[in-house]
All heavy atoms as atom14 arrays in JSON, in Angstrom:
{
  "sequence": "DWLRLHLTGEVATDVSDVGYFPGDIRKRNYSGELLKEAGLELSDKL",
  "atom14_mask": [
    [1, 1, 1, 1, 1, 1, 1, 1, 0, 0, 0, 0, 0, 0],
    [1, 1, 1, 1, 1, 1, 1, 1, 1, 1, 1, 1, 1, 1],
    [1, 1, 1, 1, 1, 1, 1, 1, 0, 0, 0, 0, 0, 0],
    [1, 1, 1, 1, 1, 1, 1, 1, 1, 1, 1, 0, 0, 0],
    [1, 1, 1, 1, 1, 1, 1, 1, 0, 0, 0, 0, 0, 0],
    [1, 1, 1, 1, 1, 1, 1, 1, 1, 1, 0, 0, 0, 0],
    [1, 1, 1, 1, 1, 1, 1, 1, 0, 0, 0, 0, 0, 0],
    [1, 1, 1, 1, 1, 1, 1, 0, 0, 0, 0, 0, 0, 0],
    [1, 1, 1, 1, 0, 0, 0, 0, 0, 0, 0, 0, 0, 0],
    [1, 1, 1, 1, 1, 1, 1, 1, 1, 0, 0, 0, 0, 0],
    [1, 1, 1, 1, 1, 1, 1, 0, 0, 0, 0, 0, 0, 0],
    [1, 1, 1, 1, 1, 0, 0, 0, 0, 0, 0, 0, 0, 0],
    [1, 1, 1, 1, 1, 1, 1, 0, 0, 0, 0, 0, 0, 0],
    [1, 1, 1, 1, 1, 1, 1, 1, 0, 0, 0, 0, 0, 0],
    [1, 1, 1, 1, 1, 1, 1, 0, 0, 0, 0, 0, 0, 0],
    [1, 1, 1, 1, 1, 1, 0, 0, 0, 0, 0, 0, 0, 0],
    [1, 1, 1, 1, 1, 1, 1, 1, 0, 0, 0, 0, 0, 0],
    [1, 1, 1, 1, 1, 1, 1, 0, 0, 0, 0, 0, 0, 0],
    [1, 1, 1, 1, 0, 0, 0, 0, 0, 0, 0, 0, 0, 0],
    [1, 1, 1, 1, 1, 1, 1, 1, 1, 1, 1, 1, 0, 0],
    [1, 1, 1, 1, 1, 1, 1, 1, 1, 1, 1, 0, 0, 0],
    [1, 1, 1, 1, 1, 1, 1, 0, 0, 0, 0, 0, 0, 0],
    [1, 1, 1, 1, 0, 0, 0, 0, 0, 0, 0, 0, 0, 0],
    [1, 1, 1, 1, 1, 1, 1, 1, 0, 0, 0, 0, 0, 0],
    [1, 1, 1, 1, 1, 1, 1, 1, 0, 0, 0, 0, 0, 0],
    [1, 1, 1, 1, 1, 1, 1, 1, 1, 1, 1, 0, 0, 0],
    [1, 1, 1, 1, 1, 1, 1, 1, 1, 0, 0, 0, 0, 0],
    [1, 1, 1, 1, 1, 1, 1, 1, 1, 1, 1, 0, 0, 0],
    [1, 1, 1, 1, 1, 1, 1, 1, 0, 0, 0, 0, 0, 0],
    [1, 1, 1, 1, 1, 1, 1, 1, 1, 1, 1, 1, 0, 0],
    [1, 1, 1, 1, 1, 1, 0, 0, 0, 0, 0, 0, 0, 0],
    [1, 1, 1, 1, 0, 0, 0, 0, 0, 0, 0, 0, 0, 0],
    [1, 1, 1, 1, 1, 1, 1, 1, 1, 0, 0, 0, 0, 0],
    [1, 1, 1, 1, 1, 1, 1, 1, 0, 0, 0, 0, 0, 0],
    [1, 1, 1, 1, 1, 1, 1, 1, 0, 0, 0, 0, 0, 0],
    [1, 1, 1, 1, 1, 1, 1, 1, 1, 0, 0, 0, 0, 0],
    [1, 1, 1, 1, 1, 1, 1, 1, 1, 0, 0, 0, 0, 0],
    [1, 1, 1, 1, 1, 0, 0, 0, 0, 0, 0, 0, 0, 0],
    [1, 1, 1, 1, 0, 0, 0, 0, 0, 0, 0, 0, 0, 0],
    [1, 1, 1, 1, 1, 1, 1, 1, 0, 0, 0, 0, 0, 0],
    [1, 1, 1, 1, 1, 1, 1, 1, 1, 0, 0, 0, 0, 0],
    [1, 1, 1, 1, 1, 1, 1, 1, 0, 0, 0, 0, 0, 0],
    [1, 1, 1, 1, 1, 1, 0, 0, 0, 0, 0, 0, 0, 0],
    [1, 1, 1, 1, 1, 1, 1, 1, 0, 0, 0, 0, 0, 0],
    [1, 1, 1, 1, 1, 1, 1, 1, 1, 0, 0, 0, 0, 0],
    [1, 1, 1, 1, 1, 1, 1, 1, 0, 0, 0, 0, 0, 0]
  ],
  "atom14_positions": [
    [[-50.86, -131.71, 38.66], [-50.43, -131.67, 40.08], [-51.02, -132.82, 40.9], [-50.42, -133.37, 41.8], [-50.82, -130.36, 40.71], [-50.23, -129.19, 39.9], [-49.17, -129.3, 39.3], [-50.88, -128.11, 39.92], [0.0, 0.0, 0.0], [0.0, 0.0, 0.0], [0.0, 0.0, 0.0], [0.0, 0.0, 0.0], [0.0, 0.0, 0.0], [0.0, 0.0, 0.0]],
    [[-52.27, -133.2, 40.55], [-52.94, -134.32, 41.2], [-52.13, -135.61, 40.94], [-51.91, -136.4, 41.81], [-54.38, -134.43, 40.73], [-55.04, -135.73, 41.03], [-55.47, -136.68, 40.19], [-55.36, -136.25, 42.37], [-56.03, -137.72, 40.79], [-55.98, -137.47, 42.15], [-55.16, -135.74, 43.65], [-56.42, -138.31, 43.22], [-55.63, -136.57, 44.71], [-56.25, -137.77, 44.5]],
    [[-51.75, -135.82, 39.66], [-51.0, -137.02, 39.33], [-49.64, -137.0, 39.93], [-49.14, -138.05, 40.42], [-50.92, -137.12, 37.76], [-52.24, -137.17, 37.05], [-52.0, -137.25, 35.54], [-53.12, -138.34, 37.54], [0.0, 0.0, 0.0], [0.0, 0.0, 0.0], [0.0, 0.0, 0.0], [0.0, 0.0, 0.0], [0.0, 0.0, 0.0], [0.0, 0.0, 0.0]],
    [[-48.99, -135.88, 39.93], [-47.63, -135.77, 40.52], [-47.67, -135.99, 42.04], [-46.76, -136.54, 42.64], [-46.99, -134.41, 40.2], [-45.52, -134.34, 40.59], [-44.79, -133.06, 40.38], [-45.47, -132.05, 39.67], [-46.3, -131.19, 40.21], [-46.58, -131.22, 41.48], [-46.86, -130.24, 39.48], [0.0, 0.0, 0.0], [0.0, 0.0, 0.0], [0.0, 0.0, 0.0]],
    [[-48.74, -135.55, 42.67], [-48.91, -135.79, 44.1], [-48.83, -137.27, 44.42], [-48.23, -137.67, 45.4], [-50.29, -135.23, 44.56], [-50.75, -135.53, 45.98], [-49.76, -135.01, 47.02], [-52.18, -134.95, 46.2], [0.0, 0.0, 0.0], [0.0, 0.0, 0.0], [0.0, 0.0, 0.0], [0.0, 0.0, 0.0], [0.0, 0.0, 0.0], [0.0, 0.0, 0.0]],
    [[-49.43, -138.12, 43.54], [-49.41, -139.53, 43.77], [-47.97, -140.1, 43.57], [-47.58, -141.1, 44.21], [-50.38, -140.25, 42.83], [-51.75, -140.23, 43.31], [-52.28, -141.18, 44.16], [-52.79, -139.37, 43.09], [-53.54, -140.9, 44.44], [-53.87, -139.8, 43.8], [0.0, 0.0, 0.0], [0.0, 0.0, 0.0], [0.0, 0.0, 0.0], [0.0, 0.0, 0.0]],
    [[-47.21, -139.55, 42.66], [-45.84, -140.01, 42.43], [-44.94, -139.6, 43.53], [-44.01, -140.34, 43.92], [-45.32, -139.42, 41.09], [-45.71, -140.14, 39.81], [-45.09, -139.42, 38.63], [-45.26, -141.58, 39.82], [0.0, 0.0, 0.0], [0.0, 0.0, 0.0], [0.0, 0.0, 0.0], [0.0, 0.0, 0.0], [0.0, 0.0, 0.0], [0.0, 0.0, 0.0]],
    [[-45.11, -138.37, 44.11], [-44.1, -137.83, 45.0], [-44.55, -137.61, 46.45], [-43.73, -137.43, 47.32], [-43.61, -136.45, 44.48], [-44.7, -135.55, 44.49], [-43.11, -136.63, 43.01], [0.0, 0.0, 0.0], [0.0, 0.0, 0.0], [0.0, 0.0, 0.0], [0.0, 0.0, 0.0], [0.0, 0.0, 0.0], [0.0, 0.0, 0.0], [0.0, 0.0, 0.0]],
    [[-45.86, -137.55, 46.61], [-46.42, -137.14, 47.96], [-46.32, -135.7, 48.25], [-46.68, -135.3, 49.4], [0.0, 0.0, 0.0], [0.0, 0.0, 0.0], [0.0, 0.0, 0.0], [0.0, 0.0, 0.0], [0.0, 0.0, 0.0], [0.0, 0.0, 0.0], [0.0, 0.0, 0.0], [0.0, 0.0, 0.0], [0.0, 0.0, 0.0], [0.0, 0.0, 0.0]],
    [[-45.86, -134.92, 47.29], [-45.73, -133.47, 47.47], [-46.75, -132.67, 46.69], [-47.11, -132.97, 45.57], [-44.28, -133.04, 46.95], [-43.16, -133.76, 47.61], [-42.94, -133.35, 49.08], [-43.48, -132.26, 49.45], [-42.28, -134.12, 49.8], [0.0, 0.0, 0.0], [0.0, 0.0, 0.0], [0.0, 0.0, 0.0], [0.0, 0.0, 0.0], [0.0, 0.0, 0.0]],
    [[-47.27, -131.56, 47.33], [-48.19, -130.66, 46.69], [-47.35, -129.54, 46.08], [-46.58, -128.84, 46.76], [-49.17, -130.1, 47.71], [-50.07, -128.99, 47.07], [-50.06, -131.22, 48.29], [0.0, 0.0, 0.0], [0.0, 0.0, 0.0], [0.0, 0.0, 0.0], [0.0, 0.0, 0.0], [0.0, 0.0, 0.0], [0.0, 0.0, 0.0], [0.0, 0.0, 0.0]],
    [[-47.57, -129.32, 44.8], [-46.84, -128.24, 44.08], [-47.55, -127.92, 42.79], [-48.43, -128.7, 42.34], [-45.38, -128.7, 43.77], [0.0, 0.0, 0.0], [0.0, 0.0, 0.0], [0.0, 0.0, 0.0], [0.0, 0.0, 0.0], [0.0, 0.0, 0.0], [0.0, 0.0, 0.0], [0.0, 0.0, 0.0], [0.0, 0.0, 0.0], [0.0, 0.0, 0.0]],
    [[-47.21, -126.78, 42.25], [-47.73, -126.46, 40.89], [-46.69, -125.59, 40.17], [-45.61, -125.38, 40.67], [-49.11, -125.64, 41.0], [-49.67, -125.64, 39.71], [-48.88, -124.24, 41.49], [0.0, 0.0, 0.0], [0.0, 0.0, 0.0], [0.0, 0.0, 0.0], [0.0, 0.0, 0.0], [0.0, 0.0, 0.0], [0.0, 0.0, 0.0], [0.0, 0.0, 0.0]],
    [[-47.01, -125.18, 38.93], [-46.06, -124.38, 38.16], [-46.77, -123.15, 37.58], [-47.97, -123.01, 37.63], [-45.5, -125.25, 37.0], [-46.32, -125.17, 35.72], [-47.54, -125.52, 35.81], [-45.8, -124.74, 34.66], [0.0, 0.0, 0.0], [0.0, 0.0, 0.0], [0.0, 0.0, 0.0], [0.0, 0.0, 0.0], [0.0, 0.0, 0.0], [0.0, 0.0, 0.0]],
    [[-45.94, -122.27, 36.97], [-46.45, -120.94, 36.55], [-47.38, -121.12, 35.41], [-48.26, -120.24, 35.16], [-45.27, -120.03, 36.17], [-44.46, -119.63, 37.42], [-44.34, -120.66, 35.09], [0.0, 0.0, 0.0], [0.0, 0.0, 0.0], [0.0, 0.0, 0.0], [0.0, 0.0, 0.0], [0.0, 0.0, 0.0], [0.0, 0.0, 0.0], [0.0, 0.0, 0.0]],
    [[-47.3, -122.12, 34.55], [-48.15, -122.24, 33.36], [-49.56, -122.51, 33.78], [-50.51, -121.94, 33.15], [-47.6, -123.25, 32.39], [-47.72, -124.6, 32.92], [0.0, 0.0, 0.0], [0.0, 0.0, 0.0], [0.0, 0.0, 0.0], [0.0, 0.0, 0.0], [0.0, 0.0, 0.0], [0.0, 0.0, 0.0], [0.0, 0.0, 0.0], [0.0, 0.0, 0.0]],
    [[-49.81, -123.36, 34.79], [-51.18, -123.64, 35.15], [-51.73, -122.41, 35.92], [-52.94, -122.1, 35.79], [-51.19, -124.84, 36.1], [-51.76, -126.12, 35.39], [-52.69, -125.93, 34.61], [-51.3, -127.2, 35.65], [0.0, 0.0, 0.0], [0.0, 0.0, 0.0], [0.0, 0.0, 0.0], [0.0, 0.0, 0.0], [0.0, 0.0, 0.0], [0.0, 0.0, 0.0]],
    [[-50.91, -121.72, 36.7], [-51.41, -120.59, 37.46], [-51.84, -119.45, 36.47], [-52.79, -118.74, 36.78], [-50.3, -120.07, 38.4], [-50.65, -118.68, 38.98], [-50.07, -121.06, 39.52], [0.0, 0.0, 0.0], [0.0, 0.0, 0.0], [0.0, 0.0, 0.0], [0.0, 0.0, 0.0], [0.0, 0.0, 0.0], [0.0, 0.0, 0.0], [0.0, 0.0, 0.0]],
    [[-51.2, -119.37, 35.34], [-51.58, -118.34, 34.34], [-53.03, -118.48, 33.95], [-53.72, -117.53, 33.68], [0.0, 0.0, 0.0], [0.0, 0.0, 0.0], [0.0, 0.0, 0.0], [0.0, 0.0, 0.0], [0.0, 0.0, 0.0], [0.0, 0.0, 0.0], [0.0, 0.0, 0.0], [0.0, 0.0, 0.0], [0.0, 0.0, 0.0], [0.0, 0.0, 0.0]],
    [[-53.49, -119.75, 33.86], [-54.87, -120.04, 33.47], [-55.84, -120.06, 34.64], [-57.03, -120.43, 34.46], [-54.98, -121.37, 32.75], [-54.35, -121.38, 31.37], [-53.72, -122.54, 30.89], [-54.35, -120.26, 30.53], [-53.17, -122.57, 29.59], [-53.77, -120.27, 29.25], [-53.16, -121.5, 28.8], [-52.65, -121.48, 27.58], [0.0, 0.0, 0.0], [0.0, 0.0, 0.0]],
    [[-55.39, -119.67, 35.82], [-56.34, -119.68, 36.96], [-57.55, -118.78, 36.77], [-58.62, -119.25, 37.15], [-55.51, -119.25, 38.25], [-56.3, -119.44, 39.47], [-56.45, -120.72, 40.08], [-56.9, -118.41, 40.12], [-57.19, -120.92, 41.21], [-57.63, -118.56, 41.27], [-57.76, -119.85, 41.85], [0.0, 0.0, 0.0], [0.0, 0.0, 0.0], [0.0, 0.0, 0.0]],
    [[-57.51, -117.61, 36.24], [-56.35, -116.81, 35.74], [-55.64, -116.08, 36.85], [-56.26, -115.72, 37.8], [-56.98, -115.93, 34.72], [-58.34, -115.66, 35.23], [-58.81, -116.88, 35.91], [0.0, 0.0, 0.0], [0.0, 0.0, 0.0], [0.0, 0.0, 0.0], [0.0, 0.0, 0.0], [0.0, 0.0, 0.0], [0.0, 0.0, 0.0], [0.0, 0.0, 0.0]],
    [[-54.37, -115.86, 36.65], [-53.58, -115.12, 37.61], [-53.19, -113.73, 37.11], [-53.78, -113.22, 36.15], [0.0, 0.0, 0.0], [0.0, 0.0, 0.0], [0.0, 0.0, 0.0], [0.0, 0.0, 0.0], [0.0, 0.0, 0.0], [0.0, 0.0, 0.0], [0.0, 0.0, 0.0], [0.0, 0.0, 0.0], [0.0, 0.0, 0.0], [0.0, 0.0, 0.0]],
    [[-52.15, -113.21, 37.7], [-51.6, -111.93, 37.25], [-50.5, -112.25, 36.28], [-49.4, -112.72, 36.67], [-51.05, -111.13, 38.45], [-50.64, -109.72, 38.06], [-50.01, -109.59, 36.97], [-50.81, -108.8, 38.86], [0.0, 0.0, 0.0], [0.0, 0.0, 0.0], [0.0, 0.0, 0.0], [0.0, 0.0, 0.0], [0.0, 0.0, 0.0], [0.0, 0.0, 0.0]],
    [[-50.77, -112.08, 34.96], [-49.85, -112.53, 33.96], [-48.51, -111.8, 34.02], [-47.45, -112.36, 33.7], [-50.46, -112.45, 32.56], [-49.71, -113.28, 31.54], [-50.62, -110.99, 32.16], [-49.69, -114.73, 31.77], [0.0, 0.0, 0.0], [0.0, 0.0, 0.0], [0.0, 0.0, 0.0], [0.0, 0.0, 0.0], [0.0, 0.0, 0.0], [0.0, 0.0, 0.0]],
    [[-48.53, -110.56, 34.45], [-47.27, -109.76, 34.49], [-46.36, -110.29, 35.62], [-45.15, -110.32, 35.46], [-47.55, -108.32, 34.64], [-48.31, -107.67, 33.48], [-48.72, -106.22, 33.84], [-49.42, -105.59, 32.74], [-50.81, -105.66, 32.63], [-51.51, -106.38, 33.53], [-51.39, -105.04, 31.64], [0.0, 0.0, 0.0], [0.0, 0.0, 0.0], [0.0, 0.0, 0.0]],
    [[-46.95, -110.64, 36.73], [-46.22, -111.13, 37.92], [-45.97, -112.62, 37.88], [-45.24, -113.14, 38.72], [-46.98, -110.78, 39.19], [-47.12, -109.25, 39.44], [-47.94, -109.0, 40.7], [-48.07, -107.5, 40.96], [-48.87, -107.24, 42.21], [0.0, 0.0, 0.0], [0.0, 0.0, 0.0], [0.0, 0.0, 0.0], [0.0, 0.0, 0.0], [0.0, 0.0, 0.0]],
    [[-46.54, -113.34, 36.87], [-46.37, -114.81, 36.78], [-46.77, -115.48, 38.1], [-46.1, -116.4, 38.57], [-44.89, -115.15, 36.38], [-44.49, -114.56, 35.05], [-42.98, -114.72, 34.78], [-42.59, -116.09, 34.52], [-42.59, -116.63, 33.35], [-42.91, -115.95, 32.27], [-42.16, -117.89, 33.17], [0.0, 0.0, 0.0], [0.0, 0.0, 0.0], [0.0, 0.0, 0.0]],
    [[-47.91, -115.07, 38.62], [-48.34, -115.58, 39.9], [-49.89, -115.39, 40.04], [-50.51, -114.87, 39.14], [-47.63, -114.88, 41.09], [-47.45, -115.76, 42.28], [-48.28, -116.63, 42.54], [-46.41, -115.57, 43.05], [0.0, 0.0, 0.0], [0.0, 0.0, 0.0], [0.0, 0.0, 0.0], [0.0, 0.0, 0.0], [0.0, 0.0, 0.0], [0.0, 0.0, 0.0]],
    [[-50.45, -115.85, 41.14], [-51.85, -115.66, 41.4], [-52.1, -114.17, 41.53], [-51.21, -113.34, 41.86], [-52.32, -116.36, 42.67], [-52.12, -117.83, 42.64], [-51.08, -118.44, 43.32], [-53.02, -118.67, 42.0], [-50.87, -119.83, 43.27], [-52.85, -120.03, 42.0], [-51.77, -120.61, 42.63], [-51.61, -121.97, 42.64], [0.0, 0.0, 0.0], [0.0, 0.0, 0.0]],
    [[-53.35, -113.8, 41.27], [-53.73, -112.38, 41.41], [-54.61, -112.2, 42.66], [-55.77, -112.64, 42.7], [-54.54, -111.86, 40.23], [-55.1, -110.6, 40.44], [0.0, 0.0, 0.0], [0.0, 0.0, 0.0], [0.0, 0.0, 0.0], [0.0, 0.0, 0.0], [0.0, 0.0, 0.0], [0.0, 0.0, 0.0], [0.0, 0.0, 0.0], [0.0, 0.0, 0.0]],
    [[-54.09, -111.56, 43.68], [-54.82, -111.27, 44.86], [-56.01, -110.36, 44.59], [-57.08, -110.49, 45.17], [0.0, 0.0, 0.0], [0.0, 0.0, 0.0], [0.0, 0.0, 0.0], [0.0, 0.0, 0.0], [0.0, 0.0, 0.0], [0.0, 0.0, 0.0], [0.0, 0.0, 0.0], [0.0, 0.0, 0.0], [0.0, 0.0, 0.0], [0.0, 0.0, 0.0]],
    [[-55.81, -109.44, 43.59], [-56.87, -108.5, 43.27], [-58.07, -109.26, 42.67], [-59.22, -108.95, 43.03], [-56.36, -107.46, 42.29], [-57.37, -106.4, 41.91], [-56.83, -105.35, 40.98], [-55.59, -105.29, 40.8], [-57.6, -104.56, 40.44], [0.0, 0.0, 0.0], [0.0, 0.0, 0.0], [0.0, 0.0, 0.0], [0.0, 0.0, 0.0], [0.0, 0.0, 0.0]],
    [[-57.81, -110.18, 41.76], [-58.93, -110.91, 41.11], [-59.63, -111.76, 42.15], [-60.87, -111.86, 42.11], [-58.4, -111.77, 39.95], [-57.96, -110.99, 38.73], [-57.52, -111.97, 37.61], [-59.09, -110.08, 38.21], [0.0, 0.0, 0.0], [0.0, 0.0, 0.0], [0.0, 0.0, 0.0], [0.0, 0.0, 0.0], [0.0, 0.0, 0.0], [0.0, 0.0, 0.0]],
    [[-58.9, -112.44, 43.01], [-59.53, -113.24, 44.02], [-60.44, -112.44, 44.95], [-61.53, -112.82, 45.26], [-58.46, -113.97, 44.85], [-57.7, -115.12, 44.16], [-56.46, -115.55, 44.95], [-58.66, -116.3, 44.01], [0.0, 0.0, 0.0], [0.0, 0.0, 0.0], [0.0, 0.0, 0.0], [0.0, 0.0, 0.0], [0.0, 0.0, 0.0], [0.0, 0.0, 0.0]],
    [[-59.91, -111.25, 45.35], [-60.67, -110.37, 46.22], [-61.95, -109.86, 45.5], [-63.04, -109.96, 46.09], [-59.82, -109.16, 46.63], [-60.51, -108.2, 47.57], [-59.63, -107.08, 47.98], [-60.33, -106.07, 48.92], [-59.45, -104.96, 49.25], [0.0, 0.0, 0.0], [0.0, 0.0, 0.0], [0.0, 0.0, 0.0], [0.0, 0.0, 0.0], [0.0, 0.0, 0.0]],
    [[-61.82, -109.44, 44.25], [-62.97, -108.95, 43.5], [-64.0, -110.05, 43.25], [-65.2, -109.76, 43.17], [-62.48, -108.36, 42.16], [-61.76, -107.08, 42.26], [-62.58, -105.92, 42.87], [-63.84, -105.83, 42.49], [-62.08, -105.15, 43.65], [0.0, 0.0, 0.0], [0.0, 0.0, 0.0], [0.0, 0.0, 0.0], [0.0, 0.0, 0.0], [0.0, 0.0, 0.0]],
    [[-63.52, -111.33, 43.15], [-64.45, -112.44, 42.96], [-65.05, -112.88, 44.26], [-65.9, -113.81, 44.23], [-63.74, -113.59, 42.27], [0.0, 0.0, 0.0], [0.0, 0.0, 0.0], [0.0, 0.0, 0.0], [0.0, 0.0, 0.0], [0.0, 0.0, 0.0], [0.0, 0.0, 0.0], [0.0, 0.0, 0.0], [0.0, 0.0, 0.0], [0.0, 0.0, 0.0]],
    [[-64.65, -112.33, 45.39], [-65.2, -112.71, 46.66], [-64.68, -113.99, 47.19], [-65.39, -114.71, 47.95], [0.0, 0.0, 0.0], [0.0, 0.0, 0.0], [0.0, 0.0, 0.0], [0.0, 0.0, 0.0], [0.0, 0.0, 0.0], [0.0, 0.0, 0.0], [0.0, 0.0, 0.0], [0.0, 0.0, 0.0], [0.0, 0.0, 0.0], [0.0, 0.0, 0.0]],
    [[-63.43, -114.37, 46.84], [-62.87, -115.64, 47.26], [-61.64, -115.47, 48.13], [-60.74, -114.65, 47.78], [-62.48, -116.47, 45.97], [-63.6, -116.89, 45.05], [-63.02, -117.44, 43.73], [-64.51, -117.91, 45.73], [0.0, 0.0, 0.0], [0.0, 0.0, 0.0], [0.0, 0.0, 0.0], [0.0, 0.0, 0.0], [0.0, 0.0, 0.0], [0.0, 0.0, 0.0]],
    [[-61.59, -116.12, 49.24], [-60.45, -116.13, 50.1], [-59.82, -117.52, 50.06], [-60.23, -118.47, 50.76], [-60.85, -115.77, 51.58], [-59.65, -115.81, 52.54], [-58.47, -115.02, 52.08], [-58.63, -113.78, 51.87], [-57.4, -115.63, 51.92], [0.0, 0.0, 0.0], [0.0, 0.0, 0.0], [0.0, 0.0, 0.0], [0.0, 0.0, 0.0], [0.0, 0.0, 0.0]],
    [[-58.73, -117.62, 49.24], [-58.17, -118.93, 48.97], [-56.67, -118.96, 49.21], [-55.99, -119.95, 48.87], [-58.44, -119.33, 47.52], [-59.86, -119.33, 47.03], [-59.93, -119.51, 45.53], [-60.64, -120.43, 47.76], [0.0, 0.0, 0.0], [0.0, 0.0, 0.0], [0.0, 0.0, 0.0], [0.0, 0.0, 0.0], [0.0, 0.0, 0.0], [0.0, 0.0, 0.0]],
    [[-56.07, -117.98, 49.79], [-54.62, -117.89, 49.84], [-54.01, -119.09, 50.53], [-52.88, -119.52, 50.21], [-54.2, -116.6, 50.62], [-54.81, -116.58, 51.91], [0.0, 0.0, 0.0], [0.0, 0.0, 0.0], [0.0, 0.0, 0.0], [0.0, 0.0, 0.0], [0.0, 0.0, 0.0], [0.0, 0.0, 0.0], [0.0, 0.0, 0.0], [0.0, 0.0, 0.0]],
    [[-54.72, -119.69, 51.53], [-54.09, -120.86, 52.21], [-54.29, -122.18, 51.51], [-53.89, -123.22, 51.93], [-54.64, -120.98, 53.62], [-56.2, -121.16, 53.64], [-56.82, -120.78, 52.64], [-56.71, -121.67, 54.63], [0.0, 0.0, 0.0], [0.0, 0.0, 0.0], [0.0, 0.0, 0.0], [0.0, 0.0, 0.0], [0.0, 0.0, 0.0], [0.0, 0.0, 0.0]],
    [[-55.03, -122.11, 50.34], [-55.33, -123.34, 49.56], [-54.52, -123.42, 48.28], [-54.66, -124.43, 47.55], [-56.83, -123.39, 49.26], [-57.75, -123.3, 50.45], [-59.21, -123.23, 50.03], [-60.15, -122.9, 51.18], [-60.16, -123.91, 52.26], [0.0, 0.0, 0.0], [0.0, 0.0, 0.0], [0.0, 0.0, 0.0], [0.0, 0.0, 0.0], [0.0, 0.0, 0.0]],
    [[-53.75, -122.42, 47.96], [-52.99, -122.34, 46.7], [-51.52, -122.5, 46.92], [-50.92, -121.78, 47.74], [-53.31, -121.03, 46.03], [-54.81, -120.68, 45.77], [-54.98, -119.34, 45.21], [-55.36, -121.76, 44.79], [0.0, 0.0, 0.0], [0.0, 0.0, 0.0], [0.0, 0.0, 0.0], [0.0, 0.0, 0.0], [0.0, 0.0, 0.0], [0.0, 0.0, 0.0]]
  ]
}
């Protein structure tokens, strides 16, 4: 995403990288529960 940002000027990501965040694998997205349990508030940065 860092390299693509330089090519396009756009911030974006895909489901495969989010899976290794790690995210919620069933929902194919970030896990709000894991972020909350880890004590991280990052929703506006993802």
